[in-house]
Protein backbone atom coordinates (compact mmCIF):
# COMPACT_ATOMS: atom_id res chain seq x y z
CA UNK A 1 0.00 0.00 0.00
CA UNK A 2 1.33 3.45 -0.87
CA UNK A 3 0.24 6.43 1.20
CA UNK A 4 0.58 10.09 0.32
CA UNK A 5 -0.35 12.65 2.94
CA UNK A 6 -1.25 16.29 2.71
CA UNK A 7 -1.07 18.38 5.88
CA UNK A 8 -4.39 17.81 7.66
CA UNK A 9 -6.54 20.76 8.65
CA UNK A 10 -6.03 19.88 12.32
CA UNK A 11 -2.23 20.02 11.97
CA UNK A 12 -0.20 19.64 15.14
CA UNK A 13 2.44 21.91 16.54
CA UNK A 14 0.33 25.04 16.43
CA UNK A 15 2.19 26.41 19.43
CA UNK A 16 1.49 27.17 23.05
CA UNK A 17 -2.16 27.38 24.00
CA UNK A 18 -3.30 25.19 21.13
CA UNK A 19 -5.62 22.25 21.79
CA UNK A 20 -3.64 20.29 19.19
CA UNK A 21 -1.04 17.74 20.32
CA UNK A 22 2.67 18.51 20.22
CA UNK A 23 4.42 17.01 17.18
CA UNK A 24 6.56 14.87 19.49
CA UNK A 25 3.59 13.59 21.56
CA UNK A 26 3.39 10.25 19.76
CA UNK A 27 0.49 7.84 19.32
CA UNK A 28 2.89 4.99 18.45
CA UNK A 29 6.24 4.00 19.91
CA UNK A 30 9.16 5.66 18.05
CA UNK A 31 11.52 3.14 16.46
CA UNK A 32 8.80 0.63 15.63
CA UNK A 33 7.36 -0.11 12.22
CA UNK A 34 3.96 1.35 13.06
CA UNK A 35 2.27 4.61 12.17
CA UNK A 36 -1.15 5.98 13.00
CA UNK A 37 -3.20 7.04 9.96
CA UNK A 38 -6.65 8.51 10.49
CA UNK A 39 -6.71 6.97 13.96
CA UNK A 40 -5.89 3.46 12.68
CA UNK A 41 -2.70 1.60 13.56
CA UNK A 42 -0.86 0.68 10.35
CA UNK A 43 2.17 -1.61 9.99
CA UNK A 44 4.77 -0.03 7.69
CA UNK A 45 7.15 -2.67 6.27
CA UNK A 46 10.79 -1.88 5.51
CA UNK A 47 11.39 -0.59 2.01
CA UNK A 48 12.53 -2.80 -0.83
CA UNK A 49 15.67 -1.86 -2.83
CA UNK A 50 14.02 0.38 -5.46
CA UNK A 51 12.19 2.43 -2.82
CA UNK A 52 15.15 2.59 -0.44
CA UNK A 53 17.51 3.63 -3.25
CA UNK A 54 15.17 6.40 -4.40
CA UNK A 55 14.70 7.59 -0.83
CA UNK A 56 18.48 7.81 -0.41
CA UNK A 57 18.77 9.84 -3.64
CA UNK A 58 15.88 12.08 -2.64
CA UNK A 59 17.46 12.82 0.75
CA UNK A 60 20.73 13.84 -0.92
CA UNK A 61 18.91 16.05 -3.43
CA UNK A 62 16.79 17.75 -0.76
CA UNK A 63 19.80 18.26 1.54
CA UNK A 64 21.69 19.98 -1.28
CA UNK A 65 18.88 22.49 -1.74
CA UNK A 66 17.91 23.49 1.80
CA UNK A 67 19.24 26.52 3.61
CA UNK A 68 20.18 27.04 7.22
CA UNK A 69 16.60 27.96 8.13
CA UNK A 70 15.32 24.47 7.23
CA UNK A 71 16.09 21.09 8.78
CA UNK A 72 15.46 17.79 7.07
CA UNK A 73 15.11 14.23 8.28
CA UNK A 74 14.32 10.79 6.93
CA UNK A 75 11.71 8.53 8.56
CA UNK A 76 11.23 10.98 11.46
CA UNK A 77 8.07 10.10 13.41
CA UNK A 78 5.93 13.23 13.56
CA UNK A 79 2.51 13.83 15.07
CA UNK A 80 0.75 15.89 12.41
CA UNK A 81 -2.79 15.92 13.81
CA UNK A 82 -4.96 14.52 16.58
CA UNK A 83 -5.29 11.24 14.66
CA UNK A 84 -2.06 10.96 12.67
CA UNK A 85 1.49 10.05 13.73
CA UNK A 86 3.59 9.32 10.64
CA UNK A 87 7.21 8.91 9.55
CA UNK A 88 7.44 10.15 5.95
CA UNK A 89 10.41 9.27 3.76
CA UNK A 90 11.58 12.90 3.93
CA UNK A 91 10.48 15.68 6.28
CA UNK A 92 11.37 19.36 6.16
CA UNK A 93 10.72 21.68 9.07
CA UNK A 94 11.97 25.05 10.35
CA UNK A 95 15.36 25.07 12.09
CA UNK A 96 13.99 27.56 14.61
CA UNK A 97 12.44 25.95 17.66
CA UNK A 98 8.87 26.73 18.64
CA UNK A 99 9.09 29.88 20.80
CA UNK A 100 6.33 28.67 23.13
CA UNK A 101 7.57 25.13 23.73
CA UNK A 102 11.20 25.08 22.63
CA UNK A 103 10.41 21.96 20.60
CA UNK A 104 10.57 21.16 16.90
CA UNK A 105 7.78 22.81 14.95
CA UNK A 106 5.92 22.31 11.70
CA UNK A 107 5.70 24.98 9.04
CA UNK A 108 2.36 26.75 9.43
PDB file of N, CA and C in Angstrom:
ATOM      1  N   UNK A   1       0.849  -1.166   0.000  1.00  0.00           N
ATOM      2  CA  UNK A   1       0.000   0.000   0.000  1.00  0.00           C
ATOM      3  C   UNK A   1       0.898   1.233   0.000  1.00  0.00           C
ATOM      4  N   UNK A   2       0.598   2.190  -0.828  1.00  0.00           N
ATOM      5  CA  UNK A   2       1.334   3.446  -0.871  1.00  0.00           C
ATOM      6  C   UNK A   2       0.439   4.538  -0.302  1.00  0.00           C
ATOM      7  N   UNK A   3       1.009   5.370   0.551  1.00  0.00           N
ATOM      8  CA  UNK A   3       0.239   6.426   1.198  1.00  0.00           C
ATOM      9  C   UNK A   3       0.893   7.756   0.906  1.00  0.00           C
ATOM     10  N   UNK A   4       0.098   8.720   0.515  1.00  0.00           N
ATOM     11  CA  UNK A   4       0.583  10.086   0.323  1.00  0.00           C
ATOM     12  C   UNK A   4      -0.270  10.987   1.189  1.00  0.00           C
ATOM     13  N   UNK A   5       0.387  11.812   2.003  1.00  0.00           N
ATOM     14  CA  UNK A   5      -0.351  12.647   2.937  1.00  0.00           C
ATOM     15  C   UNK A   5      -0.195  14.115   2.631  1.00  0.00           C
ATOM     16  N   UNK A   6      -1.283  14.830   2.701  1.00  0.00           N
ATOM     17  CA  UNK A   6      -1.246  16.288   2.712  1.00  0.00           C
ATOM     18  C   UNK A   6      -1.369  16.699   4.171  1.00  0.00           C
ATOM     19  N   UNK A   7      -0.964  17.908   4.499  1.00  0.00           N
ATOM     20  CA  UNK A   7      -1.070  18.380   5.877  1.00  0.00           C
ATOM     21  C   UNK A   7      -2.551  18.463   6.242  1.00  0.00           C
ATOM     22  N   UNK A   8      -2.988  17.769   7.272  1.00  0.00           N
ATOM     23  CA  UNK A   8      -4.392  17.808   7.663  1.00  0.00           C
ATOM     24  C   UNK A   8      -4.773  19.180   8.201  1.00  0.00           C
ATOM     25  N   UNK A   9      -6.062  19.455   8.166  1.00  0.00           N
ATOM     26  CA  UNK A   9      -6.538  20.758   8.646  1.00  0.00           C
ATOM     27  C   UNK A   9      -6.363  20.908  10.142  1.00  0.00           C
ATOM     28  N   UNK A  10      -6.267  19.797  10.871  1.00  0.00           N
ATOM     29  CA  UNK A  10      -6.034  19.878  12.316  1.00  0.00           C
ATOM     30  C   UNK A  10      -4.560  19.605  12.618  1.00  0.00           C
ATOM     31  N   UNK A  11      -3.674  20.246  11.845  1.00  0.00           N
ATOM     32  CA  UNK A  11      -2.232  20.020  11.967  1.00  0.00           C
ATOM     33  C   UNK A  11      -1.716  20.329  13.354  1.00  0.00           C
ATOM     34  N   UNK A  12      -0.786  19.503  13.807  1.00  0.00           N
ATOM     35  CA  UNK A  12      -0.202  19.644  15.144  1.00  0.00           C
ATOM     36  C   UNK A  12       0.869  20.716  15.165  1.00  0.00           C
ATOM     37  N   UNK A  13       1.340  20.983  16.366  1.00  0.00           N
ATOM     38  CA  UNK A  13       2.442  21.909  16.537  1.00  0.00           C
ATOM     39  C   UNK A  13       2.046  23.353  16.369  1.00  0.00           C
ATOM     40  N   UNK A  14       0.809  23.685  16.641  1.00  0.00           N
ATOM     41  CA  UNK A  14       0.329  25.040  16.432  1.00  0.00           C
ATOM     42  C   UNK A  14       0.860  26.015  17.461  1.00  0.00           C
ATOM     43  N   UNK A  15       1.581  25.521  18.449  1.00  0.00           N
ATOM     44  CA  UNK A  15       2.188  26.414  19.425  1.00  0.00           C
ATOM     45  C   UNK A  15       1.485  26.377  20.760  1.00  0.00           C
ATOM     46  N   UNK A  16       2.024  27.144  21.689  1.00  0.00           N
ATOM     47  CA  UNK A  16       1.490  27.174  23.055  1.00  0.00           C
ATOM     48  C   UNK A  16       0.039  27.622  23.051  1.00  0.00           C
ATOM     49  N   UNK A  17      -0.759  27.006  23.877  1.00  0.00           N
ATOM     50  CA  UNK A  17      -2.160  27.380  23.998  1.00  0.00           C
ATOM     51  C   UNK A  17      -3.065  26.656  23.026  1.00  0.00           C
ATOM     52  N   UNK A  18      -2.507  25.912  22.106  1.00  0.00           N
ATOM     53  CA  UNK A  18      -3.299  25.187  21.131  1.00  0.00           C
ATOM     54  C   UNK A  18      -3.876  23.929  21.773  1.00  0.00           C
ATOM     55  N   UNK A  19      -5.060  23.506  21.289  1.00  0.00           N
ATOM     56  CA  UNK A  19      -5.618  22.253  21.786  1.00  0.00           C
ATOM     57  C   UNK A  19      -5.112  21.067  20.959  1.00  0.00           C
ATOM     58  N   UNK A  20      -4.224  21.343  20.008  1.00  0.00           N
ATOM     59  CA  UNK A  20      -3.642  20.290  19.190  1.00  0.00           C
ATOM     60  C   UNK A  20      -2.444  19.676  19.902  1.00  0.00           C
ATOM     61  N   UNK A  21      -2.177  18.396  19.648  1.00  0.00           N
ATOM     62  CA  UNK A  21      -1.042  17.745  20.317  1.00  0.00           C
ATOM     63  C   UNK A  21       0.289  18.286  19.806  1.00  0.00           C
ATOM     64  N   UNK A  22       1.325  18.151  20.629  1.00  0.00           N
ATOM     65  CA  UNK A  22       2.670  18.508  20.218  1.00  0.00           C
ATOM     66  C   UNK A  22       3.145  17.493  19.184  1.00  0.00           C
ATOM     67  N   UNK A  23       3.985  17.920  18.247  1.00  0.00           N
ATOM     68  CA  UNK A  23       4.421  17.006  17.184  1.00  0.00           C
ATOM     69  C   UNK A  23       5.257  15.840  17.699  1.00  0.00           C
ATOM     70  N   UNK A  24       5.791  15.964  18.904  1.00  0.00           N
ATOM     71  CA  UNK A  24       6.561  14.869  19.491  1.00  0.00           C
ATOM     72  C   UNK A  24       5.782  14.101  20.559  1.00  0.00           C
ATOM     73  N   UNK A  25       4.473  14.333  20.655  1.00  0.00           N
ATOM     74  CA  UNK A  25       3.587  13.595  21.556  1.00  0.00           C
ATOM     75  C   UNK A  25       2.997  12.444  20.735  1.00  0.00           C
ATOM     76  N   UNK A  26       3.690  11.313  20.718  1.00  0.00           N
ATOM     77  CA  UNK A  26       3.391  10.249  19.764  1.00  0.00           C
ATOM     78  C   UNK A  26       2.237   9.339  20.179  1.00  0.00           C
ATOM     79  N   UNK A  27       1.552   8.835  19.152  1.00  0.00           N
ATOM     80  CA  UNK A  27       0.494   7.837  19.319  1.00  0.00           C
ATOM     81  C   UNK A  27       1.061   6.426  19.213  1.00  0.00           C
ATOM     82  N   UNK A  28       2.211   6.286  18.577  1.00  0.00           N
ATOM     83  CA  UNK A  28       2.887   4.995  18.447  1.00  0.00           C
ATOM     84  C   UNK A  28       4.293   5.128  19.020  1.00  0.00           C
ATOM     85  N   UNK A  29       4.899   4.004  19.328  1.00  0.00           N
ATOM     86  CA  UNK A  29       6.243   3.999  19.910  1.00  0.00           C
ATOM     87  C   UNK A  29       7.284   4.318  18.832  1.00  0.00           C
ATOM     88  N   UNK A  30       8.092   5.367  19.015  1.00  0.00           N
ATOM     89  CA  UNK A  30       9.155   5.656  18.049  1.00  0.00           C
ATOM     90  C   UNK A  30      10.102   4.460  17.918  1.00  0.00           C
ATOM     91  N   UNK A  31      10.595   4.242  16.702  1.00  0.00           N
ATOM     92  CA  UNK A  31      11.524   3.143  16.458  1.00  0.00           C
ATOM     93  C   UNK A  31      10.848   1.844  16.069  1.00  0.00           C
ATOM     94  N   UNK A  32       9.525   1.824  16.066  1.00  0.00           N
ATOM     95  CA  UNK A  32       8.800   0.627  15.634  1.00  0.00           C
ATOM     96  C   UNK A  32       8.387   0.810  14.181  1.00  0.00           C
ATOM     97  N   UNK A  33       7.792  -0.184  13.610  1.00  0.00           N
ATOM     98  CA  UNK A  33       7.357  -0.108  12.215  1.00  0.00           C
ATOM     99  C   UNK A  33       5.871   0.237  12.108  1.00  0.00           C
ATOM    100  N   UNK A  34       5.367   0.985  13.071  1.00  0.00           N
ATOM    101  CA  UNK A  34       3.956   1.348  13.058  1.00  0.00           C
ATOM    102  C   UNK A  34       3.781   2.849  12.942  1.00  0.00           C
ATOM    103  N   UNK A  35       2.702   3.230  12.263  1.00  0.00           N
ATOM    104  CA  UNK A  35       2.269   4.615  12.167  1.00  0.00           C
ATOM    105  C   UNK A  35       0.779   4.639  12.462  1.00  0.00           C
ATOM    106  N   UNK A  36       0.277   5.804  12.782  1.00  0.00           N
ATOM    107  CA  UNK A  36      -1.153   5.984  13.002  1.00  0.00           C
ATOM    108  C   UNK A  36      -1.672   6.858  11.868  1.00  0.00           C
ATOM    109  N   UNK A  37      -2.606   6.312  11.074  1.00  0.00           N
ATOM    110  CA  UNK A  37      -3.200   7.040   9.961  1.00  0.00           C
ATOM    111  C   UNK A  37      -4.700   7.110  10.153  1.00  0.00           C
ATOM    112  N   UNK A  38      -5.213   8.311  10.280  1.00  0.00           N
ATOM    113  CA  UNK A  38      -6.653   8.508  10.489  1.00  0.00           C
ATOM    114  C   UNK A  38      -7.155   7.731  11.694  1.00  0.00           C
ATOM    115  N   UNK A  39      -6.321   7.654  12.733  1.00  0.00           N
ATOM    116  CA  UNK A  39      -6.710   6.974  13.955  1.00  0.00           C
ATOM    117  C   UNK A  39      -6.579   5.463  13.912  1.00  0.00           C
ATOM    118  N   UNK A  40      -6.057   4.910  12.810  1.00  0.00           N
ATOM    119  CA  UNK A  40      -5.894   3.463  12.680  1.00  0.00           C
ATOM    120  C   UNK A  40      -4.417   3.098  12.700  1.00  0.00           C
ATOM    121  N   UNK A  41      -4.073   2.081  13.482  1.00  0.00           N
ATOM    122  CA  UNK A  41      -2.702   1.598  13.562  1.00  0.00           C
ATOM    123  C   UNK A  41      -2.360   0.858  12.270  1.00  0.00           C
ATOM    124  N   UNK A  42      -1.258   1.258  11.626  1.00  0.00           N
ATOM    125  CA  UNK A  42      -0.858   0.681  10.349  1.00  0.00           C
ATOM    126  C   UNK A  42       0.580   0.183  10.457  1.00  0.00           C
ATOM    127  N   UNK A  43       0.818  -1.068  10.055  1.00  0.00           N
ATOM    128  CA  UNK A  43       2.170  -1.607   9.987  1.00  0.00           C
ATOM    129  C   UNK A  43       2.822  -1.080   8.714  1.00  0.00           C
ATOM    130  N   UNK A  44       4.036  -0.556   8.835  1.00  0.00           N
ATOM    131  CA  UNK A  44       4.772  -0.030   7.686  1.00  0.00           C
ATOM    132  C   UNK A  44       6.013  -0.903   7.495  1.00  0.00           C
ATOM    133  N   UNK A  45       6.009  -1.763   6.468  1.00  0.00           N
ATOM    134  CA  UNK A  45       7.146  -2.667   6.274  1.00  0.00           C
ATOM    135  C   UNK A  45       8.395  -1.908   5.829  1.00  0.00           C
ATOM    136  N   UNK A  46       9.567  -2.526   6.005  1.00  0.00           N
ATOM    137  CA  UNK A  46      10.786  -1.879   5.507  1.00  0.00           C
ATOM    138  C   UNK A  46      10.722  -1.752   3.989  1.00  0.00           C
ATOM    139  N   UNK A  47      11.440  -0.796   3.455  1.00  0.00           N
ATOM    140  CA  UNK A  47      11.390  -0.586   2.011  1.00  0.00           C
ATOM    141  C   UNK A  47      12.189  -1.661   1.276  1.00  0.00           C
ATOM    142  N   UNK A  48      11.779  -1.906   0.036  1.00  0.00           N
ATOM    143  CA  UNK A  48      12.533  -2.803  -0.826  1.00  0.00           C
ATOM    144  C   UNK A  48      13.620  -1.975  -1.528  1.00  0.00           C
ATOM    145  N   UNK A  49      14.563  -2.618  -2.239  1.00  0.00           N
ATOM    146  CA  UNK A  49      15.670  -1.862  -2.829  1.00  0.00           C
ATOM    147  C   UNK A  49      15.267  -0.674  -3.717  1.00  0.00           C
ATOM    148  N   UNK A  50      14.328  -0.805  -4.645  1.00  0.00           N
ATOM    149  CA  UNK A  50      14.025   0.384  -5.458  1.00  0.00           C
ATOM    150  C   UNK A  50      13.553   1.581  -4.615  1.00  0.00           C
ATOM    151  N   UNK A  51      12.693   1.333  -3.663  1.00  0.00           N
ATOM    152  CA  UNK A  51      12.188   2.426  -2.824  1.00  0.00           C
ATOM    153  C   UNK A  51      13.308   2.994  -1.952  1.00  0.00           C
ATOM    154  N   UNK A  52      14.067   2.135  -1.302  1.00  0.00           N
ATOM    155  CA  UNK A  52      15.155   2.587  -0.442  1.00  0.00           C
ATOM    156  C   UNK A  52      16.215   3.366  -1.204  1.00  0.00           C
ATOM    157  N   UNK A  53      16.524   2.921  -2.420  1.00  0.00           N
ATOM    158  CA  UNK A  53      17.513   3.627  -3.245  1.00  0.00           C
ATOM    159  C   UNK A  53      17.008   5.001  -3.651  1.00  0.00           C
ATOM    160  N   UNK A  54      15.741   5.092  -4.021  1.00  0.00           N
ATOM    161  CA  UNK A  54      15.167   6.399  -4.398  1.00  0.00           C
ATOM    162  C   UNK A  54      15.087   7.325  -3.191  1.00  0.00           C
ATOM    163  N   UNK A  55      14.760   6.776  -2.049  1.00  0.00           N
ATOM    164  CA  UNK A  55      14.697   7.586  -0.831  1.00  0.00           C
ATOM    165  C   UNK A  55      16.079   8.160  -0.513  1.00  0.00           C
ATOM    166  N   UNK A  56      17.113   7.360  -0.644  1.00  0.00           N
ATOM    167  CA  UNK A  56      18.484   7.813  -0.414  1.00  0.00           C
ATOM    168  C   UNK A  56      18.838   8.954  -1.373  1.00  0.00           C
ATOM    169  N   UNK A  57      18.498   8.796  -2.652  1.00  0.00           N
ATOM    170  CA  UNK A  57      18.771   9.836  -3.644  1.00  0.00           C
ATOM    171  C   UNK A  57      17.976  11.102  -3.339  1.00  0.00           C
ATOM    172  N   UNK A  58      16.722  10.928  -2.952  1.00  0.00           N
ATOM    173  CA  UNK A  58      15.880  12.079  -2.635  1.00  0.00           C
ATOM    174  C   UNK A  58      16.435  12.856  -1.445  1.00  0.00           C
ATOM    175  N   UNK A  59      16.879  12.151  -0.420  1.00  0.00           N
ATOM    176  CA  UNK A  59      17.457  12.823   0.755  1.00  0.00           C
ATOM    177  C   UNK A  59      18.674  13.655   0.364  1.00  0.00           C
ATOM    178  N   UNK A  60      19.543  13.103  -0.482  1.00  0.00           N
ATOM    179  CA  UNK A  60      20.731  13.839  -0.924  1.00  0.00           C
ATOM    180  C   UNK A  60      20.340  15.069  -1.728  1.00  0.00           C
ATOM    181  N   UNK A  61      19.365  14.926  -2.606  1.00  0.00           N
ATOM    182  CA  UNK A  61      18.906  16.048  -3.425  1.00  0.00           C
ATOM    183  C   UNK A  61      18.297  17.150  -2.561  1.00  0.00           C
ATOM    184  N   UNK A  62      17.436  16.768  -1.642  1.00  0.00           N
ATOM    185  CA  UNK A  62      16.788  17.747  -0.762  1.00  0.00           C
ATOM    186  C   UNK A  62      17.824  18.434   0.122  1.00  0.00           C
ATOM    187  N   UNK A  63      18.767  17.678   0.672  1.00  0.00           N
ATOM    188  CA  UNK A  63      19.802  18.256   1.539  1.00  0.00           C
ATOM    189  C   UNK A  63      20.642  19.286   0.791  1.00  0.00           C
ATOM    190  N   UNK A  64      20.884  19.051  -0.486  1.00  0.00           N
ATOM    191  CA  UNK A  64      21.691  19.979  -1.282  1.00  0.00           C
ATOM    192  C   UNK A  64      20.967  21.288  -1.576  1.00  0.00           C
ATOM    193  N   UNK A  65      19.656  21.311  -1.369  1.00  0.00           N
ATOM    194  CA  UNK A  65      18.875  22.491  -1.736  1.00  0.00           C
ATOM    195  C   UNK A  65      18.129  23.129  -0.570  1.00  0.00           C
ATOM    196  N   UNK A  66      18.531  22.833   0.645  1.00  0.00           N
ATOM    197  CA  UNK A  66      17.915  23.485   1.802  1.00  0.00           C
ATOM    198  C   UNK A  66      18.912  24.446   2.421  1.00  0.00           C
ATOM    199  N   UNK A  67      18.395  25.525   2.964  1.00  0.00           N
ATOM    200  CA  UNK A  67      19.239  26.519   3.610  1.00  0.00           C
ATOM    201  C   UNK A  67      19.325  26.271   5.103  1.00  0.00           C
ATOM    202  N   UNK A  68      19.973  27.195   5.783  1.00  0.00           N
ATOM    203  CA  UNK A  68      20.181  27.037   7.224  1.00  0.00           C
ATOM    204  C   UNK A  68      18.896  27.210   8.032  1.00  0.00           C
ATOM    205  N   UNK A  69      17.859  27.763   7.411  1.00  0.00           N
ATOM    206  CA  UNK A  69      16.600  27.959   8.128  1.00  0.00           C
ATOM    207  C   UNK A  69      15.680  26.743   8.062  1.00  0.00           C
ATOM    208  N   UNK A  70      16.135  25.682   7.396  1.00  0.00           N
ATOM    209  CA  UNK A  70      15.324  24.471   7.232  1.00  0.00           C
ATOM    210  C   UNK A  70      16.142  23.253   7.656  1.00  0.00           C
ATOM    211  N   UNK A  71      15.510  22.375   8.416  1.00  0.00           N
ATOM    212  CA  UNK A  71      16.094  21.088   8.780  1.00  0.00           C
ATOM    213  C   UNK A  71      15.382  20.000   7.989  1.00  0.00           C
ATOM    214  N   UNK A  72      16.065  18.916   7.743  1.00  0.00           N
ATOM    215  CA  UNK A  72      15.461  17.786   7.066  1.00  0.00           C
ATOM    216  C   UNK A  72      15.771  16.502   7.810  1.00  0.00           C
ATOM    217  N   UNK A  73      14.906  15.522   7.640  1.00  0.00           N
ATOM    218  CA  UNK A  73      15.109  14.229   8.281  1.00  0.00           C
ATOM    219  C   UNK A  73      14.439  13.151   7.437  1.00  0.00           C
ATOM    220  N   UNK A  74      14.893  11.934   7.619  1.00  0.00           N
ATOM    221  CA  UNK A  74      14.320  10.787   6.935  1.00  0.00           C
ATOM    222  C   UNK A  74      13.667   9.874   7.966  1.00  0.00           C
ATOM    223  N   UNK A  75      12.446   9.456   7.690  1.00  0.00           N
ATOM    224  CA  UNK A  75      11.713   8.531   8.564  1.00  0.00           C
ATOM    225  C   UNK A  75      11.550   9.057   9.988  1.00  0.00           C
ATOM    226  N   UNK A  76      11.389  10.355  10.138  1.00  0.00           N
ATOM    227  CA  UNK A  76      11.227  10.975  11.457  1.00  0.00           C
ATOM    228  C   UNK A  76       9.755  10.935  11.865  1.00  0.00           C
ATOM    229  N   UNK A  77       9.446  10.204  12.927  1.00  0.00           N
ATOM    230  CA  UNK A  77       8.073  10.095  13.407  1.00  0.00           C
ATOM    231  C   UNK A  77       7.585  11.466  13.862  1.00  0.00           C
ATOM    232  N   UNK A  78       6.462  11.891  13.303  1.00  0.00           N
ATOM    233  CA  UNK A  78       5.932  13.228  13.563  1.00  0.00           C
ATOM    234  C   UNK A  78       4.429  13.172  13.738  1.00  0.00           C
ATOM    235  N   UNK A  79       3.956  13.718  14.813  1.00  0.00           N
ATOM    236  CA  UNK A  79       2.510  13.826  15.074  1.00  0.00           C
ATOM    237  C   UNK A  79       2.002  15.024  14.295  1.00  0.00           C
ATOM    238  N   UNK A  80       1.208  14.790  13.257  1.00  0.00           N
ATOM    239  CA  UNK A  80       0.755  15.888  12.408  1.00  0.00           C
ATOM    240  C   UNK A  80      -0.685  16.306  12.659  1.00  0.00           C
ATOM    241  N   UNK A  81      -1.412  15.546  13.471  1.00  0.00           N
ATOM    242  CA  UNK A  81      -2.786  15.917  13.814  1.00  0.00           C
ATOM    243  C   UNK A  81      -3.213  15.111  15.037  1.00  0.00           C
ATOM    244  N   UNK A  82      -4.451  15.287  15.440  1.00  0.00           N
ATOM    245  CA  UNK A  82      -4.965  14.519  16.581  1.00  0.00           C
ATOM    246  C   UNK A  82      -4.971  13.024  16.300  1.00  0.00           C
ATOM    247  N   UNK A  83      -5.129  12.651  15.019  1.00  0.00           N
ATOM    248  CA  UNK A  83      -5.290  11.241  14.658  1.00  0.00           C
ATOM    249  C   UNK A  83      -4.151  10.647  13.850  1.00  0.00           C
ATOM    250  N   UNK A  84      -3.113  11.431  13.556  1.00  0.00           N
ATOM    251  CA  UNK A  84      -2.058  10.963  12.667  1.00  0.00           C
ATOM    252  C   UNK A  84      -0.673  11.139  13.286  1.00  0.00           C
ATOM    253  N   UNK A  85       0.115  10.072  13.243  1.00  0.00           N
ATOM    254  CA  UNK A  85       1.494  10.050  13.729  1.00  0.00           C
ATOM    255  C   UNK A  85       2.275   9.258  12.690  1.00  0.00           C
ATOM    256  N   UNK A  86       2.988   9.952  11.813  1.00  0.00           N
ATOM    257  CA  UNK A  86       3.588   9.320  10.643  1.00  0.00           C
ATOM    258  C   UNK A  86       5.083   9.601  10.553  1.00  0.00           C
ATOM    259  N   UNK A  87       5.778   8.756   9.801  1.00  0.00           N
ATOM    260  CA  UNK A  87       7.212   8.915   9.554  1.00  0.00           C
ATOM    261  C   UNK A  87       7.437   8.925   8.043  1.00  0.00           C
ATOM    262  N   UNK A  88       7.269  10.081   7.402  1.00  0.00           N
ATOM    263  CA  UNK A  88       7.438  10.145   5.950  1.00  0.00           C
ATOM    264  C   UNK A  88       8.887   9.881   5.532  1.00  0.00           C
ATOM    265  N   UNK A  89       9.068   9.512   4.277  1.00  0.00           N
ATOM    266  CA  UNK A  89      10.412   9.268   3.760  1.00  0.00           C
ATOM    267  C   UNK A  89      11.316  10.473   3.997  1.00  0.00           C
ATOM    268  N   UNK A  90      10.819  11.666   3.743  1.00  0.00           N
ATOM    269  CA  UNK A  90      11.585  12.900   3.932  1.00  0.00           C
ATOM    270  C   UNK A  90      10.686  13.935   4.584  1.00  0.00           C
ATOM    271  N   UNK A  91      11.196  14.589   5.606  1.00  0.00           N
ATOM    272  CA  UNK A  91      10.480  15.676   6.277  1.00  0.00           C
ATOM    273  C   UNK A  91      11.340  16.927   6.241  1.00  0.00           C
ATOM    274  N   UNK A  92      10.711  18.062   6.041  1.00  0.00           N
ATOM    275  CA  UNK A  92      11.367  19.361   6.157  1.00  0.00           C
ATOM    276  C   UNK A  92      10.612  20.168   7.188  1.00  0.00           C
ATOM    277  N   UNK A  93      11.344  20.865   8.034  1.00  0.00           N
ATOM    278  CA  UNK A  93      10.716  21.682   9.069  1.00  0.00           C
ATOM    279  C   UNK A  93      11.657  22.819   9.430  1.00  0.00           C
ATOM    280  N   UNK A  94      11.129  23.897  10.021  1.00  0.00           N
ATOM    281  CA  UNK A  94      11.968  25.051  10.352  1.00  0.00           C
ATOM    282  C   UNK A  94      13.073  24.689  11.345  1.00  0.00           C
ATOM    283  N   UNK A  95      14.257  25.258  11.140  1.00  0.00           N
ATOM    284  CA  UNK A  95      15.362  25.073  12.092  1.00  0.00           C
ATOM    285  C   UNK A  95      15.044  25.720  13.430  1.00  0.00           C
ATOM    286  N   UNK A  96      14.333  26.845  13.375  1.00  0.00           N
ATOM    287  CA  UNK A  96      13.988  27.565  14.607  1.00  0.00           C
ATOM    288  C   UNK A  96      13.044  26.724  15.449  1.00  0.00           C
ATOM    289  N   UNK A  97      13.299  26.683  16.732  1.00  0.00           N
ATOM    290  CA  UNK A  97      12.442  25.951  17.660  1.00  0.00           C
ATOM    291  C   UNK A  97      11.177  26.762  17.920  1.00  0.00           C
ATOM    292  N   UNK A  98      10.121  26.069  18.298  1.00  0.00           N
ATOM    293  CA  UNK A  98       8.867  26.730  18.642  1.00  0.00           C
ATOM    294  C   UNK A  98       9.120  27.653  19.833  1.00  0.00           C
ATOM    295  N   UNK A  99       8.807  28.951  19.706  1.00  0.00           N
ATOM    296  CA  UNK A  99       9.091  29.880  20.798  1.00  0.00           C
ATOM    297  C   UNK A  99       8.301  29.584  22.073  1.00  0.00           C
ATOM    298  N   UNK A 100       7.151  28.962  21.953  1.00  0.00           N
ATOM    299  CA  UNK A 100       6.331  28.666  23.127  1.00  0.00           C
ATOM    300  C   UNK A 100       6.738  27.409  23.865  1.00  0.00           C
ATOM    301  N   UNK A 101       7.254  26.418  23.112  1.00  0.00           N
ATOM    302  CA  UNK A 101       7.569  25.126  23.726  1.00  0.00           C
ATOM    303  C   UNK A 101       9.051  24.781  23.697  1.00  0.00           C
ATOM    304  N   UNK A 102       9.795  25.408  22.795  1.00  0.00           N
ATOM    305  CA  UNK A 102      11.201  25.076  22.630  1.00  0.00           C
ATOM    306  C   UNK A 102      11.418  23.797  21.841  1.00  0.00           C
ATOM    307  N   UNK A 103      10.341  23.221  21.332  1.00  0.00           N
ATOM    308  CA  UNK A 103      10.413  21.956  20.598  1.00  0.00           C
ATOM    309  C   UNK A 103      10.440  22.206  19.090  1.00  0.00           C
ATOM    310  N   UNK A 104      10.651  21.126  18.365  1.00  0.00           N
ATOM    311  CA  UNK A 104      10.568  21.165  16.902  1.00  0.00           C
ATOM    312  C   UNK A 104       9.176  21.643  16.518  1.00  0.00           C
ATOM    313  N   UNK A 105       9.086  22.332  15.391  1.00  0.00           N
ATOM    314  CA  UNK A 105       7.777  22.814  14.953  1.00  0.00           C
ATOM    315  C   UNK A 105       7.547  22.502  13.480  1.00  0.00           C
ATOM    316  N   UNK A 106       6.294  22.481  13.099  1.00  0.00           N
ATOM    317  CA  UNK A 106       5.925  22.315  11.700  1.00  0.00           C
ATOM    318  C   UNK A 106       5.752  23.683  11.078  1.00  0.00           C
ATOM    319  N   UNK A 107       5.968  23.740   9.771  1.00  0.00           N
ATOM    320  CA  UNK A 107       5.702  24.977   9.040  1.00  0.00           C
ATOM    321  C   UNK A 107       4.201  25.221   9.071  1.00  0.00           C
ATOM    322  N   UNK A 108       3.795  26.432   9.370  1.00  0.00           N
ATOM    323  CA  UNK A 108       2.363  26.746   9.434  1.00  0.00           C
ATOM    324  C   UNK A 108       1.893  27.445   8.184  1.00  0.00           C
TER     325      UNK A 108
END
